[in-house]
Amino acid sequence: MARPFKRVIPFLVAALAAAAPAHAERVVSAPAPAIDAAPKRKLETAVFAGGCYWGVEGVFSHVKGVKLAVSGFAGGPRDVRVDYETVSGGDTGYAEAVRVTYDPKIVSYGTLLRIFFSVIADPTLLNRQGPDRGTQYRSALFPLNGEQDRAARAYLAQLGKSGLWNDPIVTKVERFTGFQDADSYHQDFMRKNPRHPYILRWDAPKLAAFKTMFPASYRDQPSA
């Protein structure tokens, strides 16, 4: 798509919002991870791709222990500079992603994975989430060290055996080649635009589900 669904036809998204169900997408209670990543630093960083980064960033910013959640791009060639418009073409190899900086004494990498697959991303959808289609909206995990890689692969295998989904898990663990920030318009989008039709239809339900399912991990005030 030259220009994404959420910006080209907001009137249609508004119509969808009016008819939205209680949850925009299927919510599941993903299991606690059998294997977690041992922390290496006082603050750790993790990168997740799970469709439009507005909702991914919006949910993670409300997780206790998350210090910063930044919308951007991951998964493409290291030496190629990209932005929202180029990635939206679907042929750069990059996906919309979020870089999460967190305190592992408060929230673990495994807990972030559990929240991600419970309320943010459906791991059985190939190159799409919600209304968005294309490789730039794929779900992927980008481990930044061996501990995260081990935990991510183990958790995907665990989810595959959980019976929570009828279809196979297609989320991949991908090599981390760097992260590029999206421009300021896309940062903290849910917090700045709570009444945006796309947020109301697709992302606010994810945040509501997170608050309900993980009350001990939820905080009202989002990270900076």
N, C-alpha and C. Protein backbone atom coordinates (compact mmCIF):
# COMPACT_ATOMS: atom_id res chain seq x y z
N MET A 1 0.84 -1.19 0.00
CA MET A 1 0.00 0.00 0.00
C MET A 1 0.87 1.24 0.00
N ALA A 2 0.56 2.18 -0.87
CA ALA A 2 1.33 3.41 -0.91
C ALA A 2 1.10 4.23 0.35
N ARG A 3 -0.17 4.27 0.77
CA ARG A 3 -0.51 4.94 2.03
C ARG A 3 -1.39 4.02 2.85
N PRO A 4 -1.12 3.92 4.16
CA PRO A 4 -1.79 2.93 4.98
C PRO A 4 -3.27 3.19 5.14
N PHE A 5 -3.98 2.10 5.37
CA PHE A 5 -5.41 2.11 5.64
C PHE A 5 -5.78 3.15 6.68
N LYS A 6 -5.02 3.22 7.76
CA LYS A 6 -5.41 4.04 8.88
C LYS A 6 -5.33 5.52 8.59
N ARG A 7 -4.64 5.94 7.50
CA ARG A 7 -4.54 7.35 7.19
C ARG A 7 -5.32 7.73 5.93
N VAL A 8 -5.53 6.80 5.03
CA VAL A 8 -6.17 7.13 3.77
C VAL A 8 -7.67 7.27 3.92
N ILE A 9 -8.32 6.38 4.68
CA ILE A 9 -9.77 6.37 4.74
C ILE A 9 -10.25 6.39 6.19
N PRO A 10 -9.98 7.49 6.90
CA PRO A 10 -10.38 7.55 8.31
C PRO A 10 -11.88 7.45 8.51
N PHE A 11 -12.67 7.89 7.52
CA PHE A 11 -14.12 7.79 7.67
C PHE A 11 -14.56 6.34 7.75
N LEU A 12 -13.88 5.43 7.03
CA LEU A 12 -14.23 4.02 7.11
C LEU A 12 -13.82 3.44 8.45
N VAL A 13 -12.66 3.84 8.93
CA VAL A 13 -12.22 3.38 10.25
C VAL A 13 -13.20 3.85 11.32
N ALA A 14 -13.71 5.08 11.16
CA ALA A 14 -14.68 5.59 12.13
C ALA A 14 -15.94 4.73 12.13
N ALA A 15 -16.37 4.31 10.95
CA ALA A 15 -17.54 3.45 10.86
C ALA A 15 -17.28 2.12 11.55
N LEU A 16 -16.07 1.58 11.36
CA LEU A 16 -15.71 0.34 12.03
C LEU A 16 -15.69 0.53 13.55
N ALA A 17 -15.19 1.67 13.97
CA ALA A 17 -15.12 1.93 15.41
C ALA A 17 -16.51 1.91 16.04
N ALA A 18 -17.49 2.46 15.32
CA ALA A 18 -18.84 2.52 15.85
C ALA A 18 -19.43 1.14 16.03
N ALA A 19 -18.97 0.19 15.20
CA ALA A 19 -19.50 -1.17 15.26
C ALA A 19 -18.53 -2.13 15.94
N ALA A 20 -17.53 -1.62 16.62
CA ALA A 20 -16.48 -2.46 17.18
C ALA A 20 -17.01 -3.36 18.29
N PRO A 21 -16.49 -4.60 18.38
CA PRO A 21 -16.83 -5.47 19.50
C PRO A 21 -16.09 -5.05 20.76
N ALA A 22 -16.33 -5.74 21.85
CA ALA A 22 -15.67 -5.38 23.10
C ALA A 22 -14.16 -5.46 22.96
N HIS A 23 -13.66 -6.43 22.20
CA HIS A 23 -12.24 -6.53 21.93
C HIS A 23 -12.05 -6.57 20.42
N ALA A 24 -11.13 -5.77 19.91
CA ALA A 24 -10.95 -5.66 18.47
C ALA A 24 -10.41 -6.95 17.87
N GLU A 25 -9.59 -7.66 18.62
CA GLU A 25 -9.03 -8.91 18.15
C GLU A 25 -9.14 -9.94 19.26
N ARG A 26 -8.90 -11.18 18.91
CA ARG A 26 -9.03 -12.24 19.90
C ARG A 26 -8.00 -12.09 21.02
N VAL A 27 -8.46 -12.16 22.24
CA VAL A 27 -7.60 -12.08 23.42
C VAL A 27 -7.45 -13.49 23.96
N VAL A 28 -6.23 -13.86 24.31
CA VAL A 28 -5.99 -15.17 24.90
C VAL A 28 -5.20 -15.01 26.18
N SER A 29 -5.25 -16.02 27.01
CA SER A 29 -4.44 -16.02 28.23
C SER A 29 -3.21 -16.88 27.96
N ALA A 30 -2.18 -16.26 27.43
CA ALA A 30 -0.96 -16.99 27.12
C ALA A 30 -0.30 -17.48 28.41
N PRO A 31 0.34 -18.62 28.36
CA PRO A 31 0.93 -19.19 29.58
C PRO A 31 2.17 -18.42 30.04
N ALA A 32 2.47 -18.53 31.31
CA ALA A 32 3.73 -17.99 31.82
C ALA A 32 4.87 -18.73 31.15
N PRO A 33 5.94 -18.05 30.83
CA PRO A 33 7.04 -18.71 30.13
C PRO A 33 7.74 -19.76 30.99
N ALA A 34 8.00 -20.91 30.39
CA ALA A 34 8.74 -21.95 31.10
C ALA A 34 10.22 -21.60 31.21
N ILE A 35 10.70 -20.84 30.23
CA ILE A 35 12.10 -20.40 30.21
C ILE A 35 12.11 -18.89 30.03
N ASP A 36 12.83 -18.19 30.90
CA ASP A 36 12.92 -16.74 30.80
C ASP A 36 14.37 -16.33 30.55
N ALA A 37 14.55 -15.06 30.21
CA ALA A 37 15.89 -14.55 29.94
C ALA A 37 16.49 -13.99 31.21
N ALA A 38 17.67 -14.46 31.57
CA ALA A 38 18.36 -13.93 32.73
C ALA A 38 18.87 -12.52 32.41
N PRO A 39 18.61 -11.55 33.27
CA PRO A 39 19.05 -10.18 32.99
C PRO A 39 20.56 -10.04 33.03
N LYS A 40 21.05 -9.14 32.17
CA LYS A 40 22.48 -8.87 32.10
C LYS A 40 22.82 -7.47 32.62
N ARG A 41 21.83 -6.58 32.60
CA ARG A 41 22.07 -5.17 32.95
C ARG A 41 20.95 -4.67 33.86
N LYS A 42 21.18 -3.50 34.47
CA LYS A 42 20.16 -2.89 35.30
C LYS A 42 18.93 -2.53 34.48
N LEU A 43 19.16 -2.08 33.25
CA LEU A 43 18.07 -1.83 32.31
C LEU A 43 18.32 -2.67 31.07
N GLU A 44 17.29 -3.37 30.63
CA GLU A 44 17.39 -4.19 29.43
C GLU A 44 16.55 -3.58 28.31
N THR A 45 16.84 -4.02 27.08
CA THR A 45 16.10 -3.54 25.91
C THR A 45 15.60 -4.74 25.13
N ALA A 46 14.37 -4.65 24.64
CA ALA A 46 13.79 -5.70 23.81
C ALA A 46 13.07 -5.04 22.63
N VAL A 47 12.99 -5.74 21.50
CA VAL A 47 12.34 -5.20 20.31
C VAL A 47 11.28 -6.19 19.83
N PHE A 48 10.08 -5.66 19.60
CA PHE A 48 8.93 -6.46 19.19
C PHE A 48 8.29 -5.84 17.96
N ALA A 49 7.87 -6.67 17.01
CA ALA A 49 7.04 -6.22 15.89
C ALA A 49 5.72 -6.95 15.98
N GLY A 50 4.62 -6.19 15.96
CA GLY A 50 3.31 -6.82 16.12
C GLY A 50 2.21 -6.03 15.44
N GLY A 51 2.44 -5.67 14.17
CA GLY A 51 1.47 -4.85 13.46
C GLY A 51 1.75 -3.38 13.68
N CYS A 52 0.72 -2.57 13.53
CA CYS A 52 0.88 -1.12 13.70
C CYS A 52 1.52 -0.81 15.05
N TYR A 53 2.56 -0.01 15.03
CA TYR A 53 3.29 0.23 16.28
C TYR A 53 2.54 1.12 17.26
N TRP A 54 1.49 1.79 16.83
CA TRP A 54 0.74 2.61 17.77
C TRP A 54 0.23 1.79 18.95
N GLY A 55 -0.37 0.65 18.67
CA GLY A 55 -0.92 -0.17 19.74
C GLY A 55 0.12 -0.92 20.53
N VAL A 56 1.17 -1.39 19.84
CA VAL A 56 2.25 -2.12 20.52
C VAL A 56 2.91 -1.20 21.54
N GLU A 57 3.26 0.01 21.10
CA GLU A 57 3.86 0.99 22.00
C GLU A 57 2.89 1.40 23.09
N GLY A 58 1.61 1.57 22.71
CA GLY A 58 0.62 2.02 23.67
C GLY A 58 0.43 1.05 24.83
N VAL A 59 0.40 -0.24 24.54
CA VAL A 59 0.25 -1.23 25.61
C VAL A 59 1.52 -1.32 26.44
N PHE A 60 2.66 -1.48 25.79
CA PHE A 60 3.91 -1.65 26.54
C PHE A 60 4.22 -0.45 27.43
N SER A 61 3.79 0.74 27.03
CA SER A 61 4.08 1.93 27.84
C SER A 61 3.33 1.91 29.17
N HIS A 62 2.32 1.05 29.28
CA HIS A 62 1.56 0.94 30.53
C HIS A 62 2.01 -0.25 31.39
N VAL A 63 3.07 -0.92 31.02
CA VAL A 63 3.57 -2.05 31.79
C VAL A 63 4.49 -1.56 32.91
N LYS A 64 4.22 -1.97 34.12
CA LYS A 64 5.11 -1.62 35.23
C LYS A 64 6.51 -2.13 34.94
N GLY A 65 7.49 -1.29 35.14
CA GLY A 65 8.88 -1.67 34.89
C GLY A 65 9.39 -1.23 33.54
N VAL A 66 8.49 -0.87 32.62
CA VAL A 66 8.92 -0.35 31.32
C VAL A 66 9.24 1.13 31.49
N LYS A 67 10.47 1.48 31.16
CA LYS A 67 10.93 2.85 31.30
C LYS A 67 10.68 3.69 30.06
N LEU A 68 10.70 3.03 28.89
CA LEU A 68 10.55 3.75 27.64
C LEU A 68 10.10 2.79 26.56
N ALA A 69 9.14 3.20 25.75
CA ALA A 69 8.70 2.43 24.59
C ALA A 69 8.72 3.37 23.40
N VAL A 70 9.46 2.98 22.36
CA VAL A 70 9.68 3.85 21.20
C VAL A 70 9.22 3.15 19.93
N SER A 71 8.42 3.84 19.14
CA SER A 71 7.97 3.29 17.86
C SER A 71 9.04 3.50 16.80
N GLY A 72 9.20 2.49 15.94
CA GLY A 72 10.21 2.60 14.90
C GLY A 72 10.14 1.42 13.95
N PHE A 73 11.31 1.04 13.44
CA PHE A 73 11.38 0.01 12.40
C PHE A 73 12.56 -0.92 12.67
N ALA A 74 12.34 -2.22 12.40
CA ALA A 74 13.38 -3.23 12.59
C ALA A 74 13.21 -4.31 11.54
N GLY A 75 14.28 -5.07 11.31
CA GLY A 75 14.18 -6.24 10.46
C GLY A 75 14.74 -6.12 9.07
N GLY A 76 15.08 -4.91 8.65
CA GLY A 76 15.60 -4.72 7.31
C GLY A 76 17.11 -4.60 7.27
N PRO A 77 17.69 -4.32 6.11
CA PRO A 77 19.15 -4.19 5.98
C PRO A 77 19.69 -3.06 6.86
N ARG A 78 20.81 -3.33 7.48
CA ARG A 78 21.39 -2.37 8.42
C ARG A 78 21.76 -1.04 7.76
N ASP A 79 22.20 -1.08 6.51
CA ASP A 79 22.72 0.12 5.85
C ASP A 79 21.68 0.90 5.06
N VAL A 80 20.40 0.60 5.25
CA VAL A 80 19.33 1.29 4.52
C VAL A 80 18.55 2.15 5.50
N ARG A 81 18.48 3.45 5.22
CA ARG A 81 17.71 4.35 6.04
C ARG A 81 16.26 4.36 5.58
N VAL A 82 15.33 4.28 6.54
CA VAL A 82 13.92 4.21 6.19
C VAL A 82 13.12 5.20 7.02
N ASP A 83 11.89 5.43 6.58
CA ASP A 83 10.93 6.21 7.34
C ASP A 83 9.56 5.59 7.13
N TYR A 84 8.54 6.23 7.68
CA TYR A 84 7.19 5.67 7.62
C TYR A 84 6.73 5.44 6.19
N GLU A 85 6.97 6.41 5.32
CA GLU A 85 6.49 6.30 3.95
C GLU A 85 7.18 5.17 3.20
N THR A 86 8.49 5.04 3.35
CA THR A 86 9.19 4.00 2.61
C THR A 86 8.83 2.61 3.13
N VAL A 87 8.73 2.47 4.43
CA VAL A 87 8.37 1.17 5.00
C VAL A 87 6.95 0.78 4.61
N SER A 88 6.06 1.76 4.48
CA SER A 88 4.67 1.49 4.12
C SER A 88 4.55 0.89 2.72
N GLY A 89 5.57 1.01 1.90
CA GLY A 89 5.54 0.38 0.59
C GLY A 89 5.62 -1.12 0.65
N GLY A 90 6.14 -1.66 1.75
CA GLY A 90 6.14 -3.10 1.96
C GLY A 90 7.30 -3.86 1.34
N ASP A 91 8.28 -3.14 0.78
CA ASP A 91 9.36 -3.84 0.09
C ASP A 91 10.74 -3.52 0.66
N THR A 92 10.82 -2.95 1.86
CA THR A 92 12.11 -2.62 2.45
C THR A 92 12.67 -3.74 3.32
N GLY A 93 11.85 -4.68 3.70
CA GLY A 93 12.25 -5.72 4.65
C GLY A 93 12.03 -5.30 6.09
N TYR A 94 11.76 -4.02 6.31
CA TYR A 94 11.53 -3.54 7.67
C TYR A 94 10.08 -3.77 8.10
N ALA A 95 9.89 -3.90 9.39
CA ALA A 95 8.56 -3.99 9.98
C ALA A 95 8.39 -2.86 10.99
N GLU A 96 7.16 -2.39 11.14
CA GLU A 96 6.89 -1.48 12.24
C GLU A 96 7.17 -2.23 13.54
N ALA A 97 7.93 -1.61 14.42
CA ALA A 97 8.38 -2.30 15.63
C ALA A 97 8.45 -1.31 16.79
N VAL A 98 8.64 -1.86 17.97
CA VAL A 98 8.75 -1.03 19.18
C VAL A 98 9.94 -1.50 20.00
N ARG A 99 10.76 -0.54 20.40
CA ARG A 99 11.91 -0.81 21.27
C ARG A 99 11.49 -0.50 22.70
N VAL A 100 11.60 -1.52 23.56
CA VAL A 100 11.14 -1.41 24.94
C VAL A 100 12.36 -1.45 25.87
N THR A 101 12.51 -0.41 26.68
CA THR A 101 13.54 -0.39 27.70
C THR A 101 12.87 -0.66 29.05
N TYR A 102 13.37 -1.66 29.77
CA TYR A 102 12.65 -2.10 30.97
C TYR A 102 13.62 -2.47 32.09
N ASP A 103 13.09 -2.43 33.30
CA ASP A 103 13.83 -2.82 34.50
C ASP A 103 13.55 -4.29 34.77
N PRO A 104 14.53 -5.18 34.59
CA PRO A 104 14.26 -6.62 34.76
C PRO A 104 13.99 -7.02 36.19
N LYS A 105 14.24 -6.13 37.14
CA LYS A 105 13.87 -6.43 38.53
C LYS A 105 12.36 -6.31 38.73
N ILE A 106 11.69 -5.58 37.83
CA ILE A 106 10.25 -5.35 37.95
C ILE A 106 9.47 -6.19 36.94
N VAL A 107 9.95 -6.27 35.71
CA VAL A 107 9.28 -7.05 34.67
C VAL A 107 10.33 -7.79 33.86
N SER A 108 10.09 -9.04 33.60
CA SER A 108 11.06 -9.85 32.86
C SER A 108 10.75 -9.86 31.37
N TYR A 109 11.72 -10.28 30.59
CA TYR A 109 11.51 -10.45 29.16
C TYR A 109 10.38 -11.44 28.89
N GLY A 110 10.35 -12.51 29.66
CA GLY A 110 9.30 -13.50 29.48
C GLY A 110 7.91 -12.94 29.75
N THR A 111 7.79 -12.06 30.74
CA THR A 111 6.50 -11.44 31.01
C THR A 111 6.09 -10.53 29.87
N LEU A 112 7.05 -9.81 29.29
CA LEU A 112 6.75 -8.97 28.13
C LEU A 112 6.26 -9.83 26.97
N LEU A 113 6.89 -10.98 26.76
CA LEU A 113 6.43 -11.91 25.72
C LEU A 113 5.00 -12.36 26.00
N ARG A 114 4.73 -12.69 27.23
CA ARG A 114 3.39 -13.17 27.59
C ARG A 114 2.33 -12.10 27.33
N ILE A 115 2.60 -10.87 27.72
CA ILE A 115 1.66 -9.77 27.46
C ILE A 115 1.50 -9.55 25.96
N PHE A 116 2.60 -9.59 25.25
CA PHE A 116 2.59 -9.36 23.80
C PHE A 116 1.65 -10.34 23.09
N PHE A 117 1.76 -11.62 23.41
CA PHE A 117 0.95 -12.61 22.71
C PHE A 117 -0.44 -12.79 23.31
N SER A 118 -0.68 -12.28 24.50
CA SER A 118 -2.01 -12.36 25.08
C SER A 118 -2.94 -11.29 24.51
N VAL A 119 -2.45 -10.05 24.39
CA VAL A 119 -3.35 -8.95 24.04
C VAL A 119 -2.90 -8.08 22.88
N ILE A 120 -1.65 -8.22 22.41
CA ILE A 120 -1.17 -7.32 21.36
C ILE A 120 -1.19 -7.97 20.00
N ALA A 121 -0.54 -9.11 19.83
CA ALA A 121 -0.36 -9.70 18.51
C ALA A 121 -0.86 -11.14 18.46
N ASP A 122 -1.51 -11.48 17.36
CA ASP A 122 -1.93 -12.85 17.10
C ASP A 122 -0.79 -13.54 16.34
N PRO A 123 -0.14 -14.55 16.94
CA PRO A 123 1.04 -15.15 16.32
C PRO A 123 0.72 -16.08 15.16
N THR A 124 -0.56 -16.25 14.83
CA THR A 124 -0.93 -17.13 13.71
C THR A 124 -1.22 -16.36 12.43
N LEU A 125 -1.16 -15.03 12.47
CA LEU A 125 -1.45 -14.21 11.30
C LEU A 125 -0.16 -13.90 10.55
N LEU A 126 -0.10 -14.25 9.29
CA LEU A 126 1.10 -14.05 8.48
C LEU A 126 1.04 -12.70 7.78
N ASN A 127 2.02 -11.86 8.08
CA ASN A 127 2.17 -10.56 7.42
C ASN A 127 0.92 -9.69 7.54
N ARG A 128 0.31 -9.73 8.71
CA ARG A 128 -0.84 -8.86 8.96
C ARG A 128 -1.19 -8.88 10.44
N GLN A 129 -1.83 -7.81 10.87
CA GLN A 129 -2.45 -7.72 12.18
C GLN A 129 -3.58 -6.72 12.04
N GLY A 130 -4.72 -7.02 12.65
CA GLY A 130 -5.85 -6.10 12.55
C GLY A 130 -6.20 -5.84 11.09
N PRO A 131 -6.39 -4.56 10.71
CA PRO A 131 -6.76 -4.23 9.34
C PRO A 131 -5.57 -4.07 8.41
N ASP A 132 -4.35 -4.15 8.95
CA ASP A 132 -3.15 -3.82 8.20
C ASP A 132 -2.53 -5.06 7.56
N ARG A 133 -2.12 -4.92 6.30
CA ARG A 133 -1.59 -6.04 5.53
C ARG A 133 -0.22 -5.68 4.96
N GLY A 134 0.65 -6.67 4.87
CA GLY A 134 1.97 -6.46 4.29
C GLY A 134 3.07 -6.93 5.23
N THR A 135 4.23 -7.19 4.68
CA THR A 135 5.34 -7.67 5.51
C THR A 135 5.74 -6.66 6.57
N GLN A 136 5.44 -5.39 6.33
CA GLN A 136 5.78 -4.36 7.32
C GLN A 136 4.91 -4.47 8.57
N TYR A 137 3.86 -5.29 8.51
CA TYR A 137 2.98 -5.50 9.67
C TYR A 137 3.10 -6.92 10.22
N ARG A 138 4.18 -7.60 9.90
CA ARG A 138 4.37 -8.96 10.41
C ARG A 138 4.67 -8.93 11.90
N SER A 139 4.43 -10.06 12.54
CA SER A 139 4.83 -10.19 13.95
C SER A 139 6.18 -10.89 14.00
N ALA A 140 7.08 -10.33 14.79
CA ALA A 140 8.44 -10.87 14.87
C ALA A 140 9.07 -10.46 16.19
N LEU A 141 10.00 -11.29 16.65
CA LEU A 141 10.79 -11.00 17.85
C LEU A 141 12.22 -10.80 17.42
N PHE A 142 12.86 -9.77 17.96
CA PHE A 142 14.24 -9.44 17.60
C PHE A 142 15.12 -9.50 18.85
N PRO A 143 15.59 -10.67 19.23
CA PRO A 143 16.43 -10.78 20.43
C PRO A 143 17.70 -9.95 20.31
N LEU A 144 18.08 -9.32 21.41
CA LEU A 144 19.29 -8.51 21.42
C LEU A 144 20.47 -9.21 22.07
N ASN A 145 20.24 -10.42 22.58
CA ASN A 145 21.34 -11.19 23.16
C ASN A 145 20.93 -12.67 23.19
N GLY A 146 21.86 -13.51 23.58
CA GLY A 146 21.61 -14.93 23.58
C GLY A 146 20.53 -15.36 24.54
N GLU A 147 20.42 -14.69 25.69
CA GLU A 147 19.39 -15.02 26.67
C GLU A 147 18.00 -14.76 26.09
N GLN A 148 17.84 -13.61 25.45
CA GLN A 148 16.54 -13.31 24.84
C GLN A 148 16.24 -14.27 23.69
N ASP A 149 17.23 -14.61 22.92
CA ASP A 149 17.03 -15.54 21.80
C ASP A 149 16.54 -16.89 22.31
N ARG A 150 17.19 -17.38 23.35
CA ARG A 150 16.80 -18.67 23.92
C ARG A 150 15.38 -18.62 24.46
N ALA A 151 15.05 -17.55 25.18
CA ALA A 151 13.72 -17.42 25.77
C ALA A 151 12.65 -17.26 24.70
N ALA A 152 12.94 -16.46 23.66
CA ALA A 152 11.96 -16.21 22.59
C ALA A 152 11.64 -17.50 21.84
N ARG A 153 12.67 -18.25 21.48
CA ARG A 153 12.43 -19.50 20.75
C ARG A 153 11.70 -20.53 21.61
N ALA A 154 12.06 -20.58 22.86
CA ALA A 154 11.39 -21.53 23.76
C ALA A 154 9.92 -21.14 23.94
N TYR A 155 9.65 -19.84 24.01
CA TYR A 155 8.27 -19.42 24.23
C TYR A 155 7.41 -19.66 23.00
N LEU A 156 7.94 -19.42 21.81
CA LEU A 156 7.18 -19.72 20.60
C LEU A 156 6.86 -21.21 20.52
N ALA A 157 7.83 -22.05 20.89
CA ALA A 157 7.57 -23.50 20.91
C ALA A 157 6.51 -23.84 21.95
N GLN A 158 6.57 -23.18 23.09
CA GLN A 158 5.59 -23.40 24.15
C GLN A 158 4.19 -22.99 23.67
N LEU A 159 4.10 -21.86 22.99
CA LEU A 159 2.80 -21.42 22.47
C LEU A 159 2.26 -22.40 21.44
N GLY A 160 3.16 -22.96 20.63
CA GLY A 160 2.73 -23.91 19.62
C GLY A 160 2.12 -25.17 20.21
N LYS A 161 2.51 -25.50 21.42
CA LYS A 161 1.98 -26.69 22.08
C LYS A 161 0.83 -26.38 23.03
N SER A 162 0.48 -25.11 23.14
CA SER A 162 -0.50 -24.70 24.15
C SER A 162 -1.94 -25.02 23.78
N GLY A 163 -2.21 -25.15 22.48
CA GLY A 163 -3.59 -25.39 22.05
C GLY A 163 -4.47 -24.16 22.06
N LEU A 164 -3.87 -22.98 22.24
CA LEU A 164 -4.65 -21.75 22.29
C LEU A 164 -5.16 -21.34 20.92
N TRP A 165 -4.47 -21.75 19.88
CA TRP A 165 -4.84 -21.37 18.53
C TRP A 165 -5.00 -22.63 17.67
N ASN A 166 -5.94 -22.59 16.76
CA ASN A 166 -6.12 -23.70 15.84
C ASN A 166 -5.09 -23.70 14.72
N ASP A 167 -4.65 -22.51 14.34
CA ASP A 167 -3.68 -22.38 13.26
C ASP A 167 -2.25 -22.39 13.80
N PRO A 168 -1.28 -22.71 12.95
CA PRO A 168 0.11 -22.77 13.41
C PRO A 168 0.68 -21.39 13.74
N ILE A 169 1.67 -21.37 14.61
CA ILE A 169 2.39 -20.15 14.96
C ILE A 169 3.28 -19.74 13.78
N VAL A 170 3.15 -18.50 13.33
CA VAL A 170 3.99 -18.02 12.22
C VAL A 170 4.93 -16.89 12.64
N THR A 171 4.79 -16.38 13.85
CA THR A 171 5.73 -15.37 14.34
C THR A 171 7.14 -15.95 14.32
N LYS A 172 8.09 -15.16 13.84
CA LYS A 172 9.48 -15.61 13.71
C LYS A 172 10.40 -14.88 14.68
N VAL A 173 11.47 -15.55 15.04
CA VAL A 173 12.59 -14.90 15.69
C VAL A 173 13.53 -14.45 14.58
N GLU A 174 13.78 -13.15 14.50
CA GLU A 174 14.59 -12.61 13.42
C GLU A 174 15.88 -12.00 13.96
N ARG A 175 16.89 -11.98 13.11
CA ARG A 175 18.17 -11.39 13.49
C ARG A 175 18.01 -9.88 13.65
N PHE A 176 18.55 -9.36 14.72
CA PHE A 176 18.46 -7.92 14.97
C PHE A 176 19.55 -7.20 14.18
N THR A 177 19.11 -6.31 13.29
CA THR A 177 20.07 -5.56 12.46
C THR A 177 20.07 -4.08 12.80
N GLY A 178 19.41 -3.73 13.89
CA GLY A 178 19.34 -2.33 14.27
C GLY A 178 17.89 -1.85 14.33
N PHE A 179 17.73 -0.71 14.93
CA PHE A 179 16.40 -0.11 15.11
C PHE A 179 16.47 1.35 14.70
N GLN A 180 15.48 1.78 13.92
CA GLN A 180 15.39 3.17 13.50
C GLN A 180 14.10 3.77 14.05
N ASP A 181 14.21 4.89 14.75
CA ASP A 181 13.04 5.54 15.34
C ASP A 181 12.12 6.08 14.26
N ALA A 182 10.81 5.97 14.49
CA ALA A 182 9.84 6.67 13.66
C ALA A 182 9.86 8.15 14.04
N ASP A 183 9.27 8.99 13.19
CA ASP A 183 9.29 10.42 13.49
C ASP A 183 8.35 10.73 14.66
N SER A 184 8.42 11.95 15.14
CA SER A 184 7.75 12.33 16.38
C SER A 184 6.23 12.17 16.30
N TYR A 185 5.66 12.29 15.10
CA TYR A 185 4.21 12.16 14.94
C TYR A 185 3.71 10.81 15.45
N HIS A 186 4.53 9.77 15.30
CA HIS A 186 4.12 8.42 15.66
C HIS A 186 4.47 8.03 17.09
N GLN A 187 5.23 8.86 17.80
CA GLN A 187 5.61 8.52 19.16
C GLN A 187 4.47 8.87 20.13
N ASP A 188 4.20 7.95 21.08
CA ASP A 188 3.15 8.16 22.08
C ASP A 188 1.81 8.46 21.43
N PHE A 189 1.54 7.82 20.30
CA PHE A 189 0.36 8.18 19.52
C PHE A 189 -0.93 7.89 20.28
N MET A 190 -1.00 6.77 20.95
CA MET A 190 -2.23 6.44 21.68
C MET A 190 -2.49 7.45 22.79
N ARG A 191 -1.46 7.82 23.52
CA ARG A 191 -1.64 8.78 24.61
C ARG A 191 -2.05 10.15 24.08
N LYS A 192 -1.47 10.56 22.97
CA LYS A 192 -1.76 11.89 22.41
C LYS A 192 -3.08 11.94 21.65
N ASN A 193 -3.54 10.79 21.15
CA ASN A 193 -4.73 10.76 20.29
C ASN A 193 -5.71 9.68 20.74
N PRO A 194 -6.19 9.75 21.98
CA PRO A 194 -7.04 8.66 22.49
C PRO A 194 -8.36 8.51 21.76
N ARG A 195 -8.82 9.55 21.06
CA ARG A 195 -10.10 9.49 20.36
C ARG A 195 -9.93 9.26 18.86
N HIS A 196 -8.71 9.01 18.43
CA HIS A 196 -8.49 8.71 17.00
C HIS A 196 -9.27 7.45 16.64
N PRO A 197 -9.98 7.43 15.51
CA PRO A 197 -10.80 6.26 15.16
C PRO A 197 -10.02 4.95 15.12
N TYR A 198 -8.80 4.98 14.61
CA TYR A 198 -8.01 3.75 14.55
C TYR A 198 -7.69 3.26 15.96
N ILE A 199 -7.32 4.17 16.84
CA ILE A 199 -7.02 3.80 18.22
C ILE A 199 -8.26 3.22 18.90
N LEU A 200 -9.40 3.85 18.72
CA LEU A 200 -10.62 3.36 19.35
C LEU A 200 -10.99 1.96 18.86
N ARG A 201 -10.81 1.73 17.57
CA ARG A 201 -11.24 0.45 17.00
C ARG A 201 -10.26 -0.68 17.29
N TRP A 202 -8.96 -0.41 17.17
CA TRP A 202 -7.99 -1.50 17.18
C TRP A 202 -7.07 -1.55 18.39
N ASP A 203 -6.79 -0.41 19.00
CA ASP A 203 -5.75 -0.39 20.03
C ASP A 203 -6.26 -0.19 21.45
N ALA A 204 -7.27 0.65 21.63
CA ALA A 204 -7.83 0.84 22.97
C ALA A 204 -8.33 -0.49 23.55
N PRO A 205 -8.95 -1.37 22.75
CA PRO A 205 -9.36 -2.66 23.31
C PRO A 205 -8.19 -3.51 23.80
N LYS A 206 -7.04 -3.38 23.15
CA LYS A 206 -5.86 -4.13 23.61
C LYS A 206 -5.41 -3.64 24.98
N LEU A 207 -5.41 -2.32 25.15
CA LEU A 207 -5.01 -1.76 26.44
C LEU A 207 -6.02 -2.15 27.52
N ALA A 208 -7.30 -2.13 27.19
CA ALA A 208 -8.32 -2.52 28.16
C ALA A 208 -8.17 -3.99 28.55
N ALA A 209 -7.87 -4.83 27.57
CA ALA A 209 -7.67 -6.25 27.86
C ALA A 209 -6.45 -6.46 28.74
N PHE A 210 -5.38 -5.73 28.47
CA PHE A 210 -4.18 -5.83 29.30
C PHE A 210 -4.48 -5.45 30.74
N LYS A 211 -5.21 -4.35 30.93
CA LYS A 211 -5.55 -3.90 32.28
C LYS A 211 -6.36 -4.96 33.03
N THR A 212 -7.27 -5.62 32.31
CA THR A 212 -8.13 -6.63 32.93
C THR A 212 -7.38 -7.92 33.23
N MET A 213 -6.54 -8.35 32.28
CA MET A 213 -5.90 -9.65 32.40
C MET A 213 -4.64 -9.63 33.25
N PHE A 214 -3.95 -8.49 33.29
CA PHE A 214 -2.68 -8.40 34.02
C PHE A 214 -2.70 -7.20 34.98
N PRO A 215 -3.63 -7.18 35.92
CA PRO A 215 -3.75 -6.00 36.79
C PRO A 215 -2.49 -5.72 37.61
N ALA A 216 -1.74 -6.75 37.96
CA ALA A 216 -0.54 -6.53 38.75
C ALA A 216 0.58 -5.91 37.93
N SER A 217 0.49 -6.01 36.61
CA SER A 217 1.52 -5.45 35.73
C SER A 217 1.12 -4.12 35.11
N TYR A 218 -0.12 -3.73 35.32
CA TYR A 218 -0.65 -2.53 34.66
C TYR A 218 -0.42 -1.29 35.53
N ARG A 219 -0.11 -0.18 34.86
CA ARG A 219 -0.06 1.11 35.56
C ARG A 219 -0.82 2.12 34.71
N ASP A 220 -1.51 3.04 35.38
CA ASP A 220 -2.32 4.03 34.68
C ASP A 220 -1.48 5.02 33.90
N GLN A 221 -0.40 5.49 34.50
CA GLN A 221 0.43 6.50 33.86
C GLN A 221 1.43 5.84 32.93
N PRO A 222 1.39 6.14 31.62
CA PRO A 222 2.33 5.49 30.70
C PRO A 222 3.75 6.01 30.91
N SER A 223 4.70 5.22 30.42
CA SER A 223 6.11 5.63 30.49
C SER A 223 6.32 6.86 29.62
N ALA A 224 7.39 7.56 29.87
CA ALA A 224 7.68 8.78 29.11
C ALA A 224 7.98 8.45 27.67
